[in-house]
Amino acid sequence: MGVSHIIAYTIVGIPIFTGVLLLHGRKGFFKSLGLQSSIVKGFLFALLCTLPMFLGFAFVFELNREISLNTFLISIIAAAFFEELYFRSFLFGQLFRYTRLGFIPSVILGALLFGAVHLYQSTDPGELIGIFLITFLGGLLFSWVYTEWKFNLWTAVFLHLLMNFSWELFSVSDNAFGGLYSNIFRIITIAMIIILTLVYKKRRGEKLMINKHTIWKKPLPN
């Protein structure tokens, strides 16, 4: 079931892959999707940022003894890789990187769709709103990280993967909304993501790519 899920995700992406090939050619295919960047850097950054979730959940929640290989393949591996590839790398990245559209016009469609595809987890109106807001804001955050780490998609992929893994490894919640304790540790992780990204860029002497000049419309190149 897990493998068939990955195959289905891949088939859905055929039009996307075809479009990227037409736009950038074979040589620019992986670079335009952010897949040529450092996997190790993306993993280490994500691991450091998500430690509060793993440690906090281990202290508050019990291990999920019902986690299966299919769950790992579908909810962790496939969800993280393909959702970041399609929503961040394609829907957001192609617009923001290769047009003059700023961050907000480029990110809004992908973030809305990212929130919408998680609504199946809801069982009542309040939960539906909570799930949508959390996943919508997650879409904004992952797009910001993807951009500020010089379009290294692996930063967003591993953040998504490890956050999902911590959620599944422990008996946290049946949906993305969660409860009080789960959201406390999630907020700490989000703070880590933002702070470490800002510190990294400052130490390298790099300006933020998303700023007042690029939030709505990017200026013409000199």
N, C-alpha and C. Protein backbone atom coordinates (compact mmCIF):
# COMPACT_ATOMS: atom_id res chain seq x y z
N MET A 1 0.83 -1.22 0.00
CA MET A 1 0.00 0.00 0.00
C MET A 1 0.86 1.26 0.00
N GLY A 2 1.94 1.25 0.80
CA GLY A 2 2.82 2.41 0.86
C GLY A 2 3.51 2.67 -0.46
N VAL A 3 3.99 1.60 -1.11
CA VAL A 3 4.66 1.73 -2.39
C VAL A 3 3.70 2.23 -3.46
N SER A 4 2.47 1.69 -3.46
CA SER A 4 1.47 2.13 -4.45
C SER A 4 1.12 3.59 -4.25
N HIS A 5 1.17 4.04 -3.02
CA HIS A 5 0.89 5.45 -2.72
C HIS A 5 1.98 6.33 -3.33
N ILE A 6 3.23 5.90 -3.21
CA ILE A 6 4.36 6.65 -3.77
C ILE A 6 4.26 6.67 -5.30
N ILE A 7 3.87 5.53 -5.88
CA ILE A 7 3.70 5.45 -7.34
C ILE A 7 2.61 6.42 -7.79
N ALA A 8 1.51 6.48 -7.04
CA ALA A 8 0.40 7.39 -7.38
C ALA A 8 0.85 8.84 -7.31
N TYR A 9 1.61 9.19 -6.26
CA TYR A 9 2.16 10.54 -6.14
C TYR A 9 3.02 10.88 -7.36
N THR A 10 3.83 9.93 -7.78
CA THR A 10 4.73 10.14 -8.92
C THR A 10 3.94 10.36 -10.21
N ILE A 11 2.91 9.55 -10.41
CA ILE A 11 2.08 9.67 -11.62
C ILE A 11 1.39 11.04 -11.67
N VAL A 12 0.90 11.48 -10.51
CA VAL A 12 0.26 12.80 -10.44
C VAL A 12 1.23 13.89 -10.85
N GLY A 13 2.53 13.68 -10.58
CA GLY A 13 3.51 14.70 -10.87
C GLY A 13 4.02 14.72 -12.31
N ILE A 14 3.59 13.77 -13.14
CA ILE A 14 4.08 13.72 -14.52
C ILE A 14 3.86 15.03 -15.27
N PRO A 15 2.66 15.65 -15.21
CA PRO A 15 2.50 16.95 -15.89
C PRO A 15 3.42 18.03 -15.34
N ILE A 16 3.68 17.98 -14.03
CA ILE A 16 4.58 18.95 -13.41
C ILE A 16 6.00 18.75 -13.91
N PHE A 17 6.46 17.51 -13.91
CA PHE A 17 7.81 17.22 -14.37
C PHE A 17 7.98 17.61 -15.84
N THR A 18 6.94 17.35 -16.63
CA THR A 18 6.99 17.70 -18.05
C THR A 18 7.10 19.20 -18.23
N GLY A 19 6.31 19.94 -17.46
CA GLY A 19 6.35 21.40 -17.55
C GLY A 19 7.70 21.96 -17.16
N VAL A 20 8.30 21.41 -16.09
CA VAL A 20 9.61 21.89 -15.64
C VAL A 20 10.68 21.58 -16.69
N LEU A 21 10.58 20.41 -17.30
CA LEU A 21 11.53 20.06 -18.37
C LEU A 21 11.42 21.02 -19.55
N LEU A 22 10.20 21.36 -19.91
CA LEU A 22 10.01 22.29 -21.03
C LEU A 22 10.54 23.68 -20.69
N LEU A 23 10.38 24.09 -19.44
CA LEU A 23 10.81 25.42 -19.04
C LEU A 23 12.33 25.52 -18.86
N HIS A 24 12.93 24.49 -18.29
CA HIS A 24 14.34 24.60 -17.88
C HIS A 24 15.27 23.61 -18.56
N GLY A 25 14.72 22.66 -19.29
CA GLY A 25 15.57 21.67 -19.95
C GLY A 25 16.12 20.64 -18.97
N ARG A 26 16.81 19.65 -19.51
CA ARG A 26 17.34 18.59 -18.66
C ARG A 26 18.41 19.10 -17.70
N LYS A 27 19.26 20.02 -18.17
CA LYS A 27 20.34 20.51 -17.32
C LYS A 27 19.82 21.33 -16.14
N GLY A 28 18.73 22.05 -16.35
CA GLY A 28 18.21 22.90 -15.29
C GLY A 28 17.10 22.27 -14.48
N PHE A 29 16.74 21.02 -14.80
CA PHE A 29 15.58 20.37 -14.17
C PHE A 29 15.73 20.29 -12.65
N PHE A 30 16.76 19.64 -12.17
CA PHE A 30 16.91 19.43 -10.72
C PHE A 30 17.22 20.73 -9.99
N LYS A 31 18.02 21.59 -10.62
CA LYS A 31 18.34 22.87 -9.97
C LYS A 31 17.09 23.73 -9.80
N SER A 32 16.23 23.76 -10.80
CA SER A 32 15.03 24.59 -10.74
C SER A 32 14.04 24.10 -9.69
N LEU A 33 14.17 22.84 -9.30
CA LEU A 33 13.30 22.27 -8.27
C LEU A 33 13.96 22.26 -6.89
N GLY A 34 15.18 22.76 -6.81
CA GLY A 34 15.87 22.82 -5.53
C GLY A 34 16.43 21.50 -5.06
N LEU A 35 16.59 20.54 -5.97
CA LEU A 35 17.04 19.20 -5.59
C LEU A 35 18.54 19.01 -5.72
N GLN A 36 19.26 19.98 -6.26
CA GLN A 36 20.70 19.88 -6.39
C GLN A 36 21.44 20.42 -5.17
N SER A 37 20.72 20.99 -4.25
CA SER A 37 21.34 21.58 -3.06
C SER A 37 21.74 20.49 -2.07
N SER A 38 22.42 20.89 -1.01
CA SER A 38 22.99 19.96 -0.05
C SER A 38 21.92 19.22 0.77
N ILE A 39 21.89 17.90 0.63
CA ILE A 39 20.97 17.08 1.42
C ILE A 39 21.42 17.07 2.87
N VAL A 40 22.71 16.97 3.10
CA VAL A 40 23.24 16.91 4.47
C VAL A 40 22.90 18.18 5.24
N LYS A 41 23.12 19.34 4.61
CA LYS A 41 22.80 20.62 5.27
C LYS A 41 21.31 20.70 5.60
N GLY A 42 20.47 20.27 4.66
CA GLY A 42 19.04 20.30 4.89
C GLY A 42 18.64 19.40 6.04
N PHE A 43 19.23 18.20 6.11
CA PHE A 43 18.89 17.26 7.18
C PHE A 43 19.36 17.75 8.54
N LEU A 44 20.60 18.23 8.64
CA LEU A 44 21.13 18.68 9.92
C LEU A 44 20.35 19.87 10.47
N PHE A 45 20.02 20.80 9.59
CA PHE A 45 19.21 21.96 10.01
C PHE A 45 17.86 21.49 10.53
N ALA A 46 17.19 20.61 9.80
CA ALA A 46 15.87 20.14 10.20
C ALA A 46 15.93 19.34 11.50
N LEU A 47 16.95 18.51 11.64
CA LEU A 47 17.09 17.69 12.86
C LEU A 47 17.26 18.57 14.08
N LEU A 48 18.10 19.58 13.98
CA LEU A 48 18.32 20.50 15.10
C LEU A 48 17.03 21.23 15.47
N CYS A 49 16.29 21.66 14.46
CA CYS A 49 15.06 22.42 14.71
C CYS A 49 13.96 21.57 15.32
N THR A 50 13.89 20.30 14.96
CA THR A 50 12.78 19.44 15.42
C THR A 50 13.10 18.68 16.70
N LEU A 51 14.31 18.85 17.23
CA LEU A 51 14.63 18.19 18.50
C LEU A 51 13.64 18.51 19.62
N PRO A 52 13.16 19.77 19.74
CA PRO A 52 12.18 20.06 20.79
C PRO A 52 10.92 19.21 20.67
N MET A 53 10.48 18.89 19.47
CA MET A 53 9.29 18.07 19.30
C MET A 53 9.56 16.63 19.73
N PHE A 54 10.69 16.09 19.29
CA PHE A 54 11.02 14.70 19.67
C PHE A 54 11.22 14.57 21.18
N LEU A 55 11.98 15.48 21.77
CA LEU A 55 12.26 15.41 23.20
C LEU A 55 11.01 15.70 24.03
N GLY A 56 10.26 16.72 23.61
CA GLY A 56 9.05 17.07 24.33
C GLY A 56 7.99 15.99 24.25
N PHE A 57 7.79 15.45 23.07
CA PHE A 57 6.79 14.38 22.90
C PHE A 57 7.20 13.13 23.67
N ALA A 58 8.50 12.84 23.73
CA ALA A 58 8.97 11.66 24.47
C ALA A 58 8.68 11.81 25.96
N PHE A 59 8.69 13.05 26.43
CA PHE A 59 8.44 13.31 27.85
C PHE A 59 6.94 13.28 28.17
N VAL A 60 6.11 13.76 27.24
CA VAL A 60 4.67 13.93 27.52
C VAL A 60 3.82 12.76 27.03
N PHE A 61 4.18 12.20 25.87
CA PHE A 61 3.34 11.17 25.24
C PHE A 61 4.01 9.81 25.25
N GLU A 62 3.20 8.78 25.07
CA GLU A 62 3.73 7.41 24.96
C GLU A 62 4.09 7.11 23.52
N LEU A 63 4.98 6.14 23.33
CA LEU A 63 5.32 5.69 21.99
C LEU A 63 4.09 5.11 21.31
N ASN A 64 3.98 5.38 20.03
CA ASN A 64 2.89 4.83 19.24
C ASN A 64 3.28 3.43 18.77
N ARG A 65 2.75 2.41 19.41
CA ARG A 65 3.13 1.03 19.09
C ARG A 65 2.40 0.50 17.87
N GLU A 66 1.49 1.31 17.31
CA GLU A 66 0.73 0.87 16.14
C GLU A 66 1.30 1.43 14.83
N ILE A 67 2.41 2.16 14.92
CA ILE A 67 3.01 2.70 13.70
C ILE A 67 3.49 1.55 12.82
N SER A 68 3.24 1.66 11.53
CA SER A 68 3.56 0.58 10.60
C SER A 68 4.45 1.10 9.47
N LEU A 69 4.95 0.16 8.67
CA LEU A 69 5.76 0.53 7.52
C LEU A 69 4.95 1.37 6.54
N ASN A 70 3.68 1.01 6.33
CA ASN A 70 2.82 1.78 5.43
C ASN A 70 2.64 3.21 5.93
N THR A 71 2.45 3.36 7.23
CA THR A 71 2.32 4.69 7.81
C THR A 71 3.58 5.50 7.57
N PHE A 72 4.74 4.85 7.77
CA PHE A 72 6.02 5.53 7.56
C PHE A 72 6.19 5.96 6.11
N LEU A 73 5.83 5.09 5.18
CA LEU A 73 5.99 5.40 3.76
C LEU A 73 5.01 6.48 3.30
N ILE A 74 3.76 6.39 3.77
CA ILE A 74 2.72 7.29 3.29
C ILE A 74 2.73 8.64 4.01
N SER A 75 2.65 8.60 5.33
CA SER A 75 2.48 9.84 6.10
C SER A 75 3.78 10.57 6.38
N ILE A 76 4.90 9.88 6.22
CA ILE A 76 6.18 10.52 6.54
C ILE A 76 7.02 10.73 5.29
N ILE A 77 7.40 9.65 4.62
CA ILE A 77 8.28 9.76 3.45
C ILE A 77 7.58 10.43 2.27
N ALA A 78 6.48 9.84 1.82
CA ALA A 78 5.79 10.35 0.62
C ALA A 78 5.23 11.74 0.85
N ALA A 79 4.58 11.93 2.00
CA ALA A 79 3.96 13.22 2.28
C ALA A 79 5.00 14.33 2.29
N ALA A 80 6.12 14.09 2.97
CA ALA A 80 7.14 15.13 3.07
C ALA A 80 7.77 15.44 1.72
N PHE A 81 8.19 14.41 1.00
CA PHE A 81 8.92 14.66 -0.24
C PHE A 81 8.01 15.22 -1.33
N PHE A 82 6.90 14.56 -1.60
CA PHE A 82 6.07 14.96 -2.73
C PHE A 82 5.30 16.25 -2.45
N GLU A 83 4.84 16.45 -1.23
CA GLU A 83 4.13 17.70 -0.93
C GLU A 83 5.06 18.89 -1.02
N GLU A 84 6.30 18.75 -0.55
CA GLU A 84 7.26 19.85 -0.68
C GLU A 84 7.64 20.07 -2.14
N LEU A 85 7.79 18.98 -2.88
CA LEU A 85 8.14 19.08 -4.30
C LEU A 85 7.05 19.80 -5.08
N TYR A 86 5.81 19.43 -4.84
CA TYR A 86 4.71 19.99 -5.62
C TYR A 86 4.27 21.36 -5.13
N PHE A 87 4.12 21.51 -3.82
CA PHE A 87 3.61 22.78 -3.28
C PHE A 87 4.69 23.85 -3.17
N ARG A 88 5.85 23.50 -2.63
CA ARG A 88 6.90 24.49 -2.43
C ARG A 88 7.75 24.68 -3.68
N SER A 89 8.29 23.60 -4.20
CA SER A 89 9.23 23.70 -5.31
C SER A 89 8.56 24.13 -6.60
N PHE A 90 7.35 23.61 -6.84
CA PHE A 90 6.69 23.92 -8.11
C PHE A 90 5.71 25.09 -7.98
N LEU A 91 4.65 24.93 -7.23
CA LEU A 91 3.61 25.97 -7.17
C LEU A 91 4.15 27.30 -6.67
N PHE A 92 4.96 27.26 -5.63
CA PHE A 92 5.55 28.50 -5.12
C PHE A 92 6.86 28.85 -5.83
N GLY A 93 7.78 27.89 -5.87
CA GLY A 93 9.13 28.16 -6.33
C GLY A 93 9.23 28.65 -7.76
N GLN A 94 8.48 28.06 -8.66
CA GLN A 94 8.57 28.48 -10.06
C GLN A 94 8.10 29.91 -10.24
N LEU A 95 7.09 30.30 -9.47
CA LEU A 95 6.59 31.68 -9.55
C LEU A 95 7.58 32.66 -8.94
N PHE A 96 8.03 32.36 -7.74
CA PHE A 96 8.88 33.32 -7.03
C PHE A 96 10.27 33.41 -7.64
N ARG A 97 10.81 32.30 -8.10
CA ARG A 97 12.17 32.29 -8.63
C ARG A 97 12.26 32.84 -10.05
N TYR A 98 11.23 32.58 -10.86
CA TYR A 98 11.38 32.84 -12.29
C TYR A 98 10.40 33.88 -12.84
N THR A 99 9.68 34.57 -11.96
CA THR A 99 8.85 35.69 -12.39
C THR A 99 9.16 36.88 -11.48
N ARG A 100 8.51 38.00 -11.72
CA ARG A 100 8.71 39.17 -10.87
C ARG A 100 7.73 39.22 -9.72
N LEU A 101 6.90 38.20 -9.59
CA LEU A 101 5.96 38.16 -8.49
C LEU A 101 6.71 38.09 -7.16
N GLY A 102 6.22 38.81 -6.17
CA GLY A 102 6.82 38.77 -4.85
C GLY A 102 6.38 37.55 -4.06
N PHE A 103 6.79 37.52 -2.79
CA PHE A 103 6.54 36.35 -1.96
C PHE A 103 5.06 36.07 -1.77
N ILE A 104 4.29 37.06 -1.38
CA ILE A 104 2.87 36.83 -1.07
C ILE A 104 2.08 36.37 -2.29
N PRO A 105 2.16 37.06 -3.44
CA PRO A 105 1.43 36.55 -4.61
C PRO A 105 1.88 35.16 -5.05
N SER A 106 3.15 34.85 -4.84
CA SER A 106 3.69 33.56 -5.27
C SER A 106 3.27 32.44 -4.32
N VAL A 107 3.17 32.73 -3.03
CA VAL A 107 2.97 31.68 -2.04
C VAL A 107 1.51 31.37 -1.77
N ILE A 108 0.62 32.29 -2.05
CA ILE A 108 -0.75 32.18 -1.54
C ILE A 108 -1.50 30.97 -2.09
N LEU A 109 -1.37 30.69 -3.39
CA LEU A 109 -2.10 29.56 -3.98
C LEU A 109 -1.62 28.24 -3.40
N GLY A 110 -0.31 28.04 -3.36
CA GLY A 110 0.23 26.79 -2.82
C GLY A 110 -0.12 26.59 -1.36
N ALA A 111 -0.09 27.67 -0.57
CA ALA A 111 -0.41 27.56 0.85
C ALA A 111 -1.90 27.23 1.06
N LEU A 112 -2.75 27.85 0.26
CA LEU A 112 -4.19 27.56 0.36
C LEU A 112 -4.48 26.10 -0.01
N LEU A 113 -3.88 25.63 -1.07
CA LEU A 113 -4.08 24.24 -1.49
C LEU A 113 -3.48 23.27 -0.47
N PHE A 114 -2.34 23.64 0.09
CA PHE A 114 -1.70 22.80 1.11
C PHE A 114 -2.62 22.67 2.32
N GLY A 115 -3.25 23.76 2.71
CA GLY A 115 -4.21 23.70 3.81
C GLY A 115 -5.43 22.88 3.46
N ALA A 116 -5.90 23.04 2.23
CA ALA A 116 -7.13 22.35 1.80
C ALA A 116 -6.96 20.83 1.74
N VAL A 117 -5.80 20.35 1.31
CA VAL A 117 -5.62 18.90 1.17
C VAL A 117 -5.54 18.18 2.50
N HIS A 118 -5.45 18.93 3.61
CA HIS A 118 -5.41 18.30 4.92
C HIS A 118 -6.77 18.35 5.63
N LEU A 119 -7.78 18.90 4.99
CA LEU A 119 -9.07 19.06 5.64
C LEU A 119 -9.79 17.73 5.89
N TYR A 120 -9.39 16.67 5.18
CA TYR A 120 -10.01 15.36 5.37
C TYR A 120 -9.81 14.84 6.80
N GLN A 121 -8.83 15.41 7.53
CA GLN A 121 -8.54 14.97 8.88
C GLN A 121 -9.56 15.48 9.90
N SER A 122 -10.38 16.45 9.52
CA SER A 122 -11.29 17.09 10.47
C SER A 122 -12.55 16.27 10.69
N THR A 123 -13.12 16.40 11.89
CA THR A 123 -14.37 15.72 12.23
C THR A 123 -15.46 16.70 12.65
N ASP A 124 -15.13 17.99 12.83
CA ASP A 124 -16.12 19.00 13.19
C ASP A 124 -15.62 20.35 12.68
N PRO A 125 -16.50 21.37 12.61
CA PRO A 125 -16.11 22.67 12.05
C PRO A 125 -14.93 23.34 12.75
N GLY A 126 -14.90 23.26 14.09
CA GLY A 126 -13.80 23.88 14.82
C GLY A 126 -12.46 23.23 14.48
N GLU A 127 -12.46 21.93 14.43
CA GLU A 127 -11.25 21.19 14.08
C GLU A 127 -10.84 21.49 12.65
N LEU A 128 -11.82 21.61 11.75
CA LEU A 128 -11.55 21.92 10.35
C LEU A 128 -10.82 23.25 10.22
N ILE A 129 -11.30 24.26 10.93
CA ILE A 129 -10.67 25.58 10.88
C ILE A 129 -9.25 25.52 11.44
N GLY A 130 -9.09 24.79 12.56
CA GLY A 130 -7.77 24.68 13.18
C GLY A 130 -6.77 23.99 12.27
N ILE A 131 -7.18 22.89 11.66
CA ILE A 131 -6.30 22.15 10.76
C ILE A 131 -5.91 23.00 9.56
N PHE A 132 -6.91 23.72 9.01
CA PHE A 132 -6.61 24.55 7.84
C PHE A 132 -5.62 25.65 8.19
N LEU A 133 -5.82 26.32 9.31
CA LEU A 133 -4.93 27.42 9.68
C LEU A 133 -3.51 26.93 9.94
N ILE A 134 -3.38 25.81 10.62
CA ILE A 134 -2.06 25.28 10.95
C ILE A 134 -1.32 24.87 9.68
N THR A 135 -2.00 24.17 8.79
CA THR A 135 -1.33 23.71 7.56
C THR A 135 -1.10 24.86 6.58
N PHE A 136 -2.01 25.82 6.55
CA PHE A 136 -1.81 27.01 5.71
C PHE A 136 -0.58 27.78 6.18
N LEU A 137 -0.47 28.02 7.48
CA LEU A 137 0.69 28.73 8.02
C LEU A 137 1.96 27.89 7.84
N GLY A 138 1.81 26.57 7.92
CA GLY A 138 2.95 25.69 7.66
C GLY A 138 3.44 25.85 6.23
N GLY A 139 2.51 26.01 5.30
CA GLY A 139 2.88 26.23 3.90
C GLY A 139 3.66 27.53 3.73
N LEU A 140 3.25 28.57 4.44
CA LEU A 140 4.00 29.84 4.40
C LEU A 140 5.40 29.68 4.98
N LEU A 141 5.48 28.98 6.12
CA LEU A 141 6.77 28.80 6.79
C LEU A 141 7.74 27.98 5.92
N PHE A 142 7.27 26.88 5.37
CA PHE A 142 8.14 26.04 4.55
C PHE A 142 8.61 26.78 3.29
N SER A 143 7.75 27.62 2.74
CA SER A 143 8.13 28.42 1.57
C SER A 143 9.19 29.44 1.95
N TRP A 144 9.05 30.04 3.11
CA TRP A 144 10.04 31.00 3.60
C TRP A 144 11.39 30.33 3.80
N VAL A 145 11.37 29.16 4.46
CA VAL A 145 12.61 28.41 4.69
C VAL A 145 13.26 28.02 3.37
N TYR A 146 12.46 27.51 2.46
CA TYR A 146 12.97 27.10 1.15
C TYR A 146 13.68 28.26 0.46
N THR A 147 13.11 29.44 0.55
CA THR A 147 13.69 30.61 -0.09
C THR A 147 14.97 31.07 0.61
N GLU A 148 14.89 31.23 1.93
CA GLU A 148 16.03 31.79 2.66
C GLU A 148 17.23 30.85 2.69
N TRP A 149 17.02 29.56 2.48
CA TRP A 149 18.14 28.63 2.39
C TRP A 149 18.52 28.42 0.93
N LYS A 150 18.40 29.48 0.16
CA LYS A 150 18.80 29.52 -1.25
C LYS A 150 18.17 28.41 -2.08
N PHE A 151 16.86 28.23 -1.86
CA PHE A 151 16.07 27.27 -2.62
C PHE A 151 16.63 25.85 -2.50
N ASN A 152 17.03 25.53 -1.29
CA ASN A 152 17.41 24.15 -0.96
C ASN A 152 16.15 23.42 -0.49
N LEU A 153 15.55 22.65 -1.38
CA LEU A 153 14.29 21.99 -1.05
C LEU A 153 14.44 21.00 0.09
N TRP A 154 15.65 20.48 0.30
CA TRP A 154 15.85 19.47 1.33
C TRP A 154 15.63 20.04 2.73
N THR A 155 15.80 21.34 2.91
CA THR A 155 15.49 21.92 4.22
C THR A 155 14.01 21.75 4.54
N ALA A 156 13.15 22.08 3.58
CA ALA A 156 11.72 21.96 3.78
C ALA A 156 11.29 20.50 3.84
N VAL A 157 11.87 19.66 2.99
CA VAL A 157 11.51 18.23 2.97
C VAL A 157 11.81 17.59 4.33
N PHE A 158 13.01 17.81 4.85
CA PHE A 158 13.37 17.16 6.11
C PHE A 158 12.65 17.77 7.31
N LEU A 159 12.36 19.06 7.26
CA LEU A 159 11.53 19.65 8.32
C LEU A 159 10.16 18.99 8.34
N HIS A 160 9.55 18.89 7.18
CA HIS A 160 8.24 18.27 7.02
C HIS A 160 8.31 16.81 7.48
N LEU A 161 9.33 16.10 7.02
CA LEU A 161 9.47 14.67 7.33
C LEU A 161 9.65 14.44 8.84
N LEU A 162 10.55 15.18 9.46
CA LEU A 162 10.83 14.95 10.88
C LEU A 162 9.69 15.43 11.77
N MET A 163 9.02 16.50 11.38
CA MET A 163 7.86 16.94 12.16
C MET A 163 6.75 15.89 12.08
N ASN A 164 6.52 15.36 10.89
CA ASN A 164 5.52 14.29 10.75
C ASN A 164 5.95 13.03 11.51
N PHE A 165 7.23 12.72 11.46
CA PHE A 165 7.74 11.52 12.13
C PHE A 165 7.55 11.62 13.64
N SER A 166 7.85 12.78 14.22
CA SER A 166 7.67 12.95 15.66
C SER A 166 6.20 12.80 16.03
N TRP A 167 5.33 13.28 15.15
CA TRP A 167 3.88 13.21 15.37
C TRP A 167 3.40 11.76 15.35
N GLU A 168 3.98 10.94 14.46
CA GLU A 168 3.57 9.54 14.32
C GLU A 168 4.28 8.63 15.32
N LEU A 169 5.51 8.97 15.68
CA LEU A 169 6.29 8.12 16.58
C LEU A 169 5.68 8.06 17.96
N PHE A 170 5.06 9.15 18.36
CA PHE A 170 4.41 9.20 19.66
C PHE A 170 2.90 9.37 19.48
N SER A 171 2.14 9.00 20.49
CA SER A 171 0.67 9.10 20.42
C SER A 171 0.25 10.54 20.68
N VAL A 172 0.49 11.39 19.69
CA VAL A 172 0.26 12.83 19.85
C VAL A 172 -1.18 13.19 19.54
N SER A 173 -1.62 12.90 18.31
CA SER A 173 -2.96 13.27 17.86
C SER A 173 -3.29 12.53 16.59
N ASP A 174 -4.61 12.42 16.31
CA ASP A 174 -5.05 11.76 15.08
C ASP A 174 -5.06 12.71 13.89
N ASN A 175 -4.80 13.99 14.12
CA ASN A 175 -4.81 14.96 13.02
C ASN A 175 -3.73 16.01 13.24
N ALA A 176 -3.63 16.95 12.28
CA ALA A 176 -2.57 17.95 12.32
C ALA A 176 -2.81 19.06 13.34
N PHE A 177 -4.04 19.13 13.89
CA PHE A 177 -4.38 20.20 14.83
C PHE A 177 -3.66 20.00 16.16
N GLY A 178 -3.77 18.80 16.72
CA GLY A 178 -3.11 18.50 17.99
C GLY A 178 -3.76 19.16 19.18
N GLY A 179 -3.09 19.07 20.33
CA GLY A 179 -3.60 19.65 21.56
C GLY A 179 -2.62 20.65 22.14
N LEU A 180 -2.80 20.99 23.41
CA LEU A 180 -2.00 22.03 24.05
C LEU A 180 -0.51 21.69 24.05
N TYR A 181 -0.16 20.53 24.59
CA TYR A 181 1.26 20.18 24.71
C TYR A 181 1.93 20.01 23.36
N SER A 182 1.23 19.36 22.44
CA SER A 182 1.83 19.15 21.12
C SER A 182 2.10 20.47 20.43
N ASN A 183 1.22 21.43 20.60
CA ASN A 183 1.41 22.73 19.95
C ASN A 183 2.46 23.59 20.66
N ILE A 184 2.64 23.38 21.96
CA ILE A 184 3.72 24.10 22.66
C ILE A 184 5.07 23.71 22.06
N PHE A 185 5.28 22.40 21.89
CA PHE A 185 6.56 21.94 21.34
C PHE A 185 6.67 22.25 19.85
N ARG A 186 5.55 22.29 19.17
CA ARG A 186 5.59 22.68 17.75
C ARG A 186 5.97 24.16 17.62
N ILE A 187 5.44 24.99 18.48
CA ILE A 187 5.78 26.42 18.45
C ILE A 187 7.26 26.64 18.75
N ILE A 188 7.81 25.86 19.68
CA ILE A 188 9.24 25.96 19.98
C ILE A 188 10.06 25.60 18.75
N THR A 189 9.65 24.54 18.05
CA THR A 189 10.33 24.13 16.83
C THR A 189 10.26 25.22 15.76
N ILE A 190 9.09 25.83 15.61
CA ILE A 190 8.93 26.91 14.63
C ILE A 190 9.85 28.08 14.99
N ALA A 191 9.93 28.40 16.28
CA ALA A 191 10.82 29.48 16.72
C ALA A 191 12.27 29.13 16.39
N MET A 192 12.64 27.87 16.59
CA MET A 192 14.00 27.41 16.26
C MET A 192 14.28 27.56 14.77
N ILE A 193 13.30 27.21 13.95
CA ILE A 193 13.46 27.31 12.49
C ILE A 193 13.76 28.75 12.09
N ILE A 194 12.98 29.67 12.62
CA ILE A 194 13.15 31.08 12.27
C ILE A 194 14.46 31.65 12.81
N ILE A 195 14.74 31.39 14.09
CA ILE A 195 15.94 31.95 14.73
C ILE A 195 17.21 31.41 14.08
N LEU A 196 17.27 30.09 13.88
CA LEU A 196 18.48 29.49 13.30
C LEU A 196 18.71 29.96 11.86
N THR A 197 17.62 30.16 11.13
CA THR A 197 17.76 30.67 9.76
C THR A 197 18.30 32.09 9.78
N LEU A 198 17.78 32.93 10.66
CA LEU A 198 18.26 34.31 10.76
C LEU A 198 19.72 34.38 11.20
N VAL A 199 20.08 33.54 12.19
CA VAL A 199 21.46 33.51 12.67
C VAL A 199 22.41 33.03 11.59
N TYR A 200 22.01 31.99 10.86
CA TYR A 200 22.82 31.44 9.78
C TYR A 200 23.10 32.50 8.71
N LYS A 201 22.07 33.23 8.33
CA LYS A 201 22.23 34.23 7.29
C LYS A 201 23.07 35.41 7.78
N LYS A 202 22.88 35.79 9.02
CA LYS A 202 23.65 36.91 9.57
C LYS A 202 25.13 36.57 9.64
N ARG A 203 25.45 35.35 10.07
CA ARG A 203 26.85 34.94 10.18
C ARG A 203 27.53 34.85 8.82
N ARG A 204 26.75 34.57 7.80
CA ARG A 204 27.31 34.50 6.45
C ARG A 204 27.26 35.84 5.73
N GLY A 205 26.71 36.84 6.43
CA GLY A 205 26.63 38.16 5.84
C GLY A 205 25.64 38.25 4.69
N GLU A 206 24.61 37.45 4.74
CA GLU A 206 23.62 37.41 3.66
C GLU A 206 22.34 38.15 4.07
N LYS A 207 21.79 38.92 3.16
CA LYS A 207 20.53 39.60 3.40
C LYS A 207 19.37 38.63 3.22
N LEU A 208 18.27 38.92 3.87
CA LEU A 208 17.08 38.11 3.69
C LEU A 208 16.56 38.26 2.26
N MET A 209 16.22 37.16 1.64
CA MET A 209 15.70 37.20 0.28
C MET A 209 14.26 37.71 0.25
N ILE A 210 13.54 37.46 1.34
CA ILE A 210 12.17 37.97 1.44
C ILE A 210 12.21 39.19 2.34
N ASN A 211 11.99 40.35 1.74
CA ASN A 211 12.07 41.61 2.47
C ASN A 211 11.03 42.57 1.88
N LYS A 212 11.09 43.84 2.31
CA LYS A 212 10.09 44.79 1.87
C LYS A 212 10.13 45.04 0.36
N HIS A 213 11.27 44.72 -0.26
CA HIS A 213 11.39 44.92 -1.70
C HIS A 213 10.89 43.73 -2.52
N THR A 214 10.74 42.58 -1.87
CA THR A 214 10.32 41.38 -2.59
C THR A 214 9.02 40.78 -2.07
N ILE A 215 8.38 41.44 -1.13
CA ILE A 215 7.19 40.85 -0.51
C ILE A 215 6.00 40.82 -1.48
N TRP A 216 5.88 41.87 -2.33
CA TRP A 216 4.77 41.92 -3.28
C TRP A 216 5.23 41.76 -4.73
N LYS A 217 6.31 42.44 -5.07
CA LYS A 217 6.80 42.41 -6.45
C LYS A 217 8.31 42.61 -6.45
N LYS A 218 9.02 41.78 -7.14
CA LYS A 218 10.48 41.87 -7.17
C LYS A 218 10.91 42.98 -8.14
N PRO A 219 11.95 43.72 -7.76
CA PRO A 219 12.43 44.80 -8.66
C PRO A 219 13.11 44.22 -9.89
N LEU A 220 13.21 45.03 -10.91
CA LEU A 220 13.91 44.60 -12.11
C LEU A 220 15.40 44.46 -11.81
N PRO A 221 16.06 43.44 -12.38
CA PRO A 221 17.49 43.28 -12.15
C PRO A 221 18.28 44.43 -12.74
N ASN A 222 19.38 44.77 -12.08
CA ASN A 222 20.21 45.89 -12.56
C ASN A 222 20.97 45.49 -13.82
